[in-house]
Amino acid sequence: MIEKYRDFPREITVLKAILRRFTLNPQLQSELESKLSRKLAGYKGERELDYHLSQFDHTRFYILHDLRIPHNKTHFQIDSLLISDTFMLIIDSKNYAGTLDFYPEFNYLLQTFNGIEKVYPDPILQTRTQASQLKSFLIKHHFSPPPIEFLVSISNSQAIIRNPGNNQDVRIRVCKTPAVAYKVQSFSDKYHNEILSVKDIRKITKLLLKSHEPYIPDIPSMNLPMDQVQTGVQCPECQQIGMKKIYGSWICGKCGHLSKDAQIDALRDFFIIFGPAITSRQFTDFLHISSIHQSKRLLSALDLDSTGCKKGRIYTPGKNFPLWD
């Protein structure tokens, strides 16, 4: 059963807000666009993994997607974790394209794509390290973990996997995503002794869910030009920033699109960039609203949390505001 579904990465939401709102120098613009492209590709590959995991009989497993667990003053991440009474399985998803030559004896992966070679850290070693970190984490919290296996799933359907050194770890632990279910079965066939009771599994699952800390980039540490943020409401149709509030609707001066709730995305951008608190004056200025009284009405209608009163009232995103949707 699936105990945790995969969340849309908050890092992607932050990167989109930065690229939408900041005037950046060409080098930083290119770097962030490239990073966003990689993150989107990675998320696509993870969703592909989720689909194939959902297609096989996983009734004997507790499945948790997208974990980021604090441990020893850092964090370790797991794309997908399967927990059974006899073993655990960590699956790391990679969406690399091209020809992939695995060299685990030298701890790297060589990608050749469009005639260009690029070296990546060995994903087998990365996943082995995750297994070690998970074991240490569970022992620290007084659990006796079962064997923890690990697998690297290549989601790009056009990728070619090669094993130049005929390495056993590559044969056992690397596969295309559609073959994941068969790999899971091979691990299931390997382990027969019950290590964890259902109660143990539920306790471990509860601990992991409670410990999970989604990654959110720290904007103040990114050296962004905070004085060059483009304000205004973005048109959801043509992406132009600068919609006007007229008779209860937002209208785009470029394409004429009308929206009743375009202020939500603008407010989300403000919270992401400047922090999760806003005054009615800041809301008025950021959205280019002509009347502060209109701003107060809009803020009140958004079901935000608030503290203070009158001019000192501060609004924050409550449980009903979709900050990370």
Protein backbone atom coordinates (compact mmCIF):
# COMPACT_ATOMS: atom_id res chain seq x y z
CA MET A 1 0.00 0.00 0.00
CA ILE A 2 1.18 3.51 -0.73
CA GLU A 3 1.77 5.39 2.52
CA LYS A 4 3.25 8.51 0.93
CA TYR A 5 2.66 9.77 -2.59
CA ARG A 6 5.22 11.86 -4.41
CA ASP A 7 4.90 15.59 -3.87
CA PHE A 8 5.59 18.09 -6.62
CA PRO A 9 9.15 19.30 -5.86
CA ARG A 10 9.16 22.60 -4.02
CA GLU A 11 12.53 23.40 -5.60
CA ILE A 12 10.84 23.47 -9.02
CA THR A 13 8.18 25.87 -7.71
CA VAL A 14 10.89 28.16 -6.31
CA LEU A 15 12.97 28.08 -9.52
CA LYS A 16 9.92 28.92 -11.62
CA ALA A 17 9.09 31.88 -9.35
CA ILE A 18 12.66 33.18 -9.58
CA LEU A 19 12.79 32.91 -13.37
CA ARG A 20 9.36 34.52 -13.63
CA ARG A 21 10.04 37.44 -11.33
CA PHE A 22 13.75 38.32 -11.36
CA THR A 23 15.77 40.25 -13.92
CA LEU A 24 18.95 38.16 -14.01
CA ASN A 25 22.29 38.41 -15.75
CA PRO A 26 22.57 36.03 -18.74
CA GLN A 27 24.90 33.58 -16.98
CA LEU A 28 22.69 33.15 -13.91
CA GLN A 29 19.58 33.01 -16.10
CA SER A 30 21.11 30.18 -18.11
CA GLU A 31 22.26 28.31 -14.99
CA LEU A 32 18.83 28.43 -13.36
CA GLU A 33 17.02 27.49 -16.58
CA SER A 34 19.34 24.50 -16.97
CA LYS A 35 18.79 23.49 -13.35
CA LEU A 36 15.03 23.77 -13.76
CA SER A 37 15.16 21.62 -16.89
CA ARG A 38 17.12 18.92 -15.04
CA LYS A 39 14.74 18.99 -12.08
CA LEU A 40 11.69 18.69 -14.35
CA ALA A 41 13.28 15.78 -16.20
CA GLY A 42 14.10 14.09 -12.90
CA TYR A 43 10.55 14.53 -11.64
CA LYS A 44 9.20 13.10 -14.89
CA GLY A 45 11.39 10.04 -14.39
CA GLU A 46 10.23 9.64 -10.80
CA ARG A 47 6.59 9.77 -11.90
CA GLU A 48 7.39 7.09 -14.47
CA LEU A 49 8.76 4.95 -11.65
CA ASP A 50 5.61 5.58 -9.60
CA TYR A 51 3.46 4.38 -12.49
CA HIS A 52 5.32 1.10 -12.90
CA LEU A 53 5.38 0.46 -9.16
CA SER A 54 1.61 0.91 -9.12
CA GLN A 55 1.17 -1.79 -11.78
CA PHE A 56 2.46 -4.79 -9.84
CA ASP A 57 0.99 -6.48 -6.80
CA HIS A 58 2.46 -4.48 -3.95
CA THR A 59 0.01 -5.51 -1.23
CA ARG A 60 2.82 -6.91 0.91
CA PHE A 61 4.77 -3.65 0.79
CA TYR A 62 4.42 -0.29 2.47
CA ILE A 63 5.56 2.22 -0.17
CA LEU A 64 6.82 5.73 0.54
CA HIS A 65 7.80 8.05 -2.29
CA ASP A 66 10.05 11.09 -2.02
CA LEU A 67 11.62 11.08 1.43
CA ARG A 68 14.17 13.55 2.77
CA ILE A 69 15.30 12.53 6.23
CA PRO A 70 17.56 14.52 8.61
CA HIS A 71 20.45 12.50 9.99
CA ASN A 72 23.83 13.40 11.48
CA LYS A 73 23.47 17.14 10.80
CA THR A 74 22.61 16.57 7.14
CA HIS A 75 19.85 14.89 5.11
CA PHE A 76 19.55 11.84 2.92
CA GLN A 77 16.97 11.49 0.16
CA ILE A 78 15.14 8.43 -1.11
CA ASP A 79 13.13 8.48 -4.32
CA SER A 80 11.06 5.41 -3.42
CA LEU A 81 11.20 3.06 -0.43
CA LEU A 82 9.49 -0.33 -0.24
CA ILE A 83 9.13 -1.92 3.19
CA SER A 84 8.13 -5.55 3.71
CA ASP A 85 8.39 -7.89 6.68
CA THR A 86 11.55 -9.52 5.23
CA PHE A 87 13.50 -6.68 3.60
CA MET A 88 13.50 -3.04 2.51
CA LEU A 89 14.23 -1.77 -0.99
CA ILE A 90 15.46 1.70 -1.95
CA ILE A 91 14.88 2.68 -5.59
CA ASP A 92 16.71 5.66 -7.06
CA SER A 93 15.31 7.06 -10.31
CA LYS A 94 17.58 8.52 -12.99
CA ASN A 95 16.32 10.08 -16.22
CA TYR A 96 19.62 10.15 -18.09
CA ALA A 97 19.53 10.06 -21.90
CA GLY A 98 22.05 8.62 -24.34
CA THR A 99 24.52 5.81 -23.75
CA LEU A 100 25.29 5.12 -20.10
CA ASP A 101 28.51 3.28 -19.25
CA PHE A 102 28.67 2.21 -15.61
CA TYR A 103 32.10 2.06 -13.96
CA PRO A 104 31.33 1.26 -10.29
CA GLU A 105 34.91 0.14 -9.71
CA PHE A 106 35.91 3.78 -10.30
CA ASN A 107 32.75 5.30 -8.80
CA TYR A 108 31.42 7.09 -11.86
CA LEU A 109 28.92 6.90 -14.70
CA LEU A 110 29.87 8.05 -18.20
CA GLN A 111 27.06 9.49 -20.29
CA THR A 112 27.49 9.96 -24.04
CA PHE A 113 24.74 12.05 -25.59
CA ASN A 114 24.82 13.81 -28.97
CA GLY A 115 28.54 13.17 -29.18
CA ILE A 116 29.24 14.82 -25.82
CA GLU A 117 30.63 12.87 -22.87
CA LYS A 118 29.69 13.78 -19.30
CA VAL A 119 30.72 12.16 -16.03
CA TYR A 120 28.27 11.68 -13.14
CA PRO A 121 28.80 10.21 -9.67
CA ASP A 122 28.12 6.50 -9.57
CA PRO A 123 24.37 6.13 -8.83
CA ILE A 124 24.97 2.62 -7.44
CA LEU A 125 27.31 4.07 -4.82
CA GLN A 126 24.85 6.88 -4.13
CA THR A 127 22.04 4.42 -3.51
CA ARG A 128 24.26 2.12 -1.44
CA THR A 129 25.07 5.15 0.72
CA GLN A 130 21.35 5.88 1.12
CA ALA A 131 20.84 2.31 2.32
CA SER A 132 23.63 2.74 4.87
CA GLN A 133 22.17 6.05 6.05
CA LEU A 134 18.69 4.56 6.39
CA LYS A 135 20.07 1.64 8.41
CA SER A 136 21.94 4.02 10.72
CA PHE A 137 18.84 6.20 11.11
CA LEU A 138 16.65 3.24 12.07
CA ILE A 139 19.21 1.88 14.55
CA LYS A 140 19.47 5.33 16.12
CA HIS A 141 15.70 5.20 16.68
CA HIS A 142 15.93 1.75 18.27
CA PHE A 143 14.79 -0.40 15.36
CA SER A 144 16.53 -3.55 14.17
CA PRO A 145 16.27 -3.11 10.40
CA PRO A 146 15.93 -6.02 8.00
CA PRO A 147 18.28 -6.32 5.01
CA ILE A 148 18.16 -3.10 2.97
CA GLU A 149 18.56 -3.61 -0.77
CA PHE A 150 18.90 -0.89 -3.39
CA LEU A 151 18.18 -0.43 -7.07
CA VAL A 152 18.87 2.19 -9.77
CA SER A 153 16.00 2.73 -12.20
CA ILE A 154 16.74 4.34 -15.59
CA SER A 155 13.51 5.96 -16.75
CA ASN A 156 14.54 7.34 -20.14
CA SER A 157 13.19 4.84 -22.66
CA GLN A 158 15.85 5.75 -25.25
CA ALA A 159 18.82 5.32 -22.90
CA ILE A 160 21.30 2.52 -23.58
CA ILE A 161 22.74 0.86 -20.47
CA ARG A 162 26.21 -0.65 -20.81
CA ASN A 163 28.36 -2.56 -18.35
CA PRO A 164 31.90 -2.44 -19.80
CA GLY A 165 33.47 -4.20 -16.83
CA ASN A 166 30.78 -6.88 -16.64
CA ASN A 167 30.27 -5.78 -13.04
CA GLN A 168 27.89 -7.86 -10.94
CA ASP A 169 26.45 -4.84 -9.13
CA VAL A 170 25.46 -3.27 -12.45
CA ARG A 171 23.73 -6.49 -13.54
CA ILE A 172 21.83 -6.82 -10.27
CA ARG A 173 21.12 -3.22 -9.35
CA VAL A 174 20.54 -1.29 -12.58
CA CYS A 175 17.52 -1.66 -14.85
CA LYS A 176 15.10 0.22 -17.05
CA THR A 177 12.06 1.46 -15.15
CA PRO A 178 9.55 -0.96 -16.77
CA ALA A 179 11.62 -3.86 -15.37
CA VAL A 180 11.51 -2.63 -11.77
CA ALA A 181 8.68 -5.00 -10.80
CA TYR A 182 10.75 -8.01 -11.90
CA LYS A 183 13.71 -6.78 -9.87
CA VAL A 184 11.47 -6.35 -6.84
CA GLN A 185 10.32 -9.93 -7.25
CA SER A 186 13.91 -11.18 -7.43
CA PHE A 187 14.66 -9.51 -4.09
CA SER A 188 11.45 -10.93 -2.63
CA ASP A 189 12.54 -14.42 -3.68
CA LYS A 190 15.85 -13.89 -1.89
CA TYR A 191 14.43 -13.13 1.55
CA HIS A 192 12.05 -15.43 3.45
CA ASN A 193 12.62 -14.83 7.15
CA GLU A 194 10.19 -12.43 8.78
CA ILE A 195 12.15 -9.64 10.50
CA LEU A 196 9.49 -6.97 10.97
CA SER A 197 6.01 -7.36 12.34
CA VAL A 198 3.15 -5.31 10.92
CA LYS A 199 3.37 -3.19 14.07
CA ASP A 200 7.10 -2.58 13.45
CA ILE A 201 6.45 -1.57 9.85
CA ARG A 202 3.75 0.87 10.89
CA LYS A 203 6.04 2.40 13.51
CA ILE A 204 8.87 2.79 10.98
CA THR A 205 6.49 4.28 8.43
CA LYS A 206 5.15 6.74 11.00
CA LEU A 207 8.71 7.73 11.99
CA LEU A 208 9.76 8.33 8.38
CA LEU A 209 6.65 10.38 7.61
CA LYS A 210 7.15 12.47 10.74
CA SER A 211 10.86 12.99 9.99
CA HIS A 212 10.42 13.97 6.33
CA GLU A 213 11.60 17.52 5.58
CA PRO A 214 10.94 18.71 1.99
CA TYR A 215 13.81 20.62 0.43
CA ILE A 216 13.19 24.33 -0.14
CA PRO A 217 15.99 26.44 -1.67
CA ASP A 218 17.13 29.30 0.55
CA ILE A 219 16.58 32.37 -1.63
CA PRO A 220 18.63 34.79 0.56
CA SER A 221 21.69 32.58 0.05
CA MET A 222 21.36 32.60 -3.76
CA ASN A 223 22.73 36.13 -4.25
CA LEU A 224 19.74 37.18 -6.30
CA PRO A 225 19.18 40.87 -7.19
CA MET A 226 16.39 41.48 -4.68
CA ASP A 227 15.98 45.05 -5.96
CA GLN A 228 15.12 43.74 -9.44
CA VAL A 229 11.94 41.79 -8.79
CA GLN A 230 9.21 42.27 -11.37
CA THR A 231 5.96 43.05 -9.57
CA GLY A 232 2.38 42.73 -10.84
CA VAL A 233 -0.10 39.97 -11.65
CA GLN A 234 0.83 37.47 -14.37
CA CYS A 235 -1.66 36.50 -17.05
CA PRO A 236 -2.28 32.73 -16.85
CA GLU A 237 -2.94 32.67 -20.60
CA CYS A 238 -0.02 34.55 -22.23
CA GLN A 239 2.30 34.83 -19.18
CA GLN A 240 2.56 38.62 -19.49
CA ILE A 241 2.95 40.36 -16.10
CA GLY A 242 0.80 43.43 -15.57
CA MET A 243 -2.88 42.45 -15.38
CA LYS A 244 -5.29 45.14 -14.18
CA LYS A 245 -8.11 44.74 -11.65
CA ILE A 246 -11.36 45.91 -13.24
CA TYR A 247 -14.90 45.23 -11.97
CA GLY A 248 -14.07 42.11 -9.97
CA SER A 249 -11.80 40.52 -12.59
CA TRP A 250 -8.20 40.72 -13.71
CA ILE A 251 -7.75 41.64 -17.37
CA CYS A 252 -4.62 41.22 -19.44
CA GLY A 253 -3.73 44.26 -21.53
CA LYS A 254 -1.84 42.07 -24.02
CA CYS A 255 -4.24 39.22 -24.85
CA GLY A 256 -7.47 40.36 -23.16
CA HIS A 257 -7.74 37.27 -20.97
CA LEU A 258 -10.00 37.60 -17.92
CA SER A 259 -9.34 35.89 -14.59
CA LYS A 260 -11.14 35.93 -11.27
CA ASP A 261 -8.27 34.53 -9.20
CA ALA A 262 -4.97 35.54 -10.83
CA GLN A 263 -4.03 37.23 -7.54
CA ILE A 264 -3.40 33.80 -5.98
CA ASP A 265 -0.34 33.03 -8.10
CA ALA A 266 1.03 36.54 -7.56
CA LEU A 267 0.64 36.19 -3.80
CA ARG A 268 2.28 32.77 -3.91
CA ASP A 269 5.27 34.31 -5.71
CA PHE A 270 5.53 36.98 -3.02
CA PHE A 271 5.50 34.40 -0.22
CA ILE A 272 8.13 32.26 -1.97
CA ILE A 273 10.47 35.17 -2.69
CA PHE A 274 10.09 37.37 0.37
CA GLY A 275 8.90 34.93 3.03
CA PRO A 276 5.49 33.73 4.24
CA ALA A 277 4.12 37.03 5.58
CA ILE A 278 2.57 40.05 3.89
CA THR A 279 0.78 43.25 4.87
CA SER A 280 -2.09 44.81 2.96
CA ARG A 281 0.26 47.62 1.87
CA GLN A 282 2.79 45.13 0.49
CA PHE A 283 -0.01 43.26 -1.25
CA THR A 284 -1.26 46.53 -2.78
CA ASP A 285 2.19 47.49 -4.04
CA PHE A 286 3.18 44.04 -5.32
CA LEU A 287 -0.04 43.44 -7.25
CA HIS A 288 -0.40 47.07 -8.42
CA ILE A 289 -3.84 47.48 -6.86
CA SER A 290 -5.17 51.03 -6.79
CA SER A 291 -7.01 50.80 -3.47
CA ILE A 292 -5.77 49.37 -0.18
CA HIS A 293 -9.38 48.72 0.77
CA GLN A 294 -9.71 46.47 -2.28
CA SER A 295 -6.51 44.71 -1.22
CA LYS A 296 -7.93 44.02 2.22
CA ARG A 297 -11.08 42.55 0.69
CA LEU A 298 -9.04 40.30 -1.58
CA LEU A 299 -6.80 39.16 1.29
CA SER A 300 -9.81 38.46 3.52
CA ALA A 301 -11.38 36.34 0.78
CA LEU A 302 -8.29 34.12 0.48
CA ASP A 303 -8.76 32.37 3.83
CA LEU A 304 -5.27 33.28 5.05
CA ASP A 305 -4.11 33.21 8.65
CA SER A 306 -3.60 36.65 10.18
CA THR A 307 -2.26 38.33 13.29
CA GLY A 308 -2.50 41.90 14.51
CA CYS A 309 -5.18 44.42 13.64
CA LYS A 310 -5.80 47.39 11.38
CA LYS A 311 -2.54 48.71 9.81
CA GLY A 312 -0.49 46.17 11.74
CA ARG A 313 -2.29 43.11 10.41
CA ILE A 314 0.02 40.49 8.89
CA TYR A 315 -1.27 37.70 6.63
CA THR A 316 0.38 34.29 6.32
CA PRO A 317 -0.55 31.23 4.22
CA GLY A 318 -2.83 28.97 6.26
CA LYS A 319 -3.74 25.35 5.66
CA ASN A 320 -6.22 26.34 2.94
CA PHE A 321 -3.80 28.43 0.87
CA PRO A 322 -2.07 26.35 -1.85
CA LEU A 323 1.49 27.62 -1.35
CA TRP A 324 3.17 24.54 -2.86
CA ASP A 325 0.45 23.15 -5.15
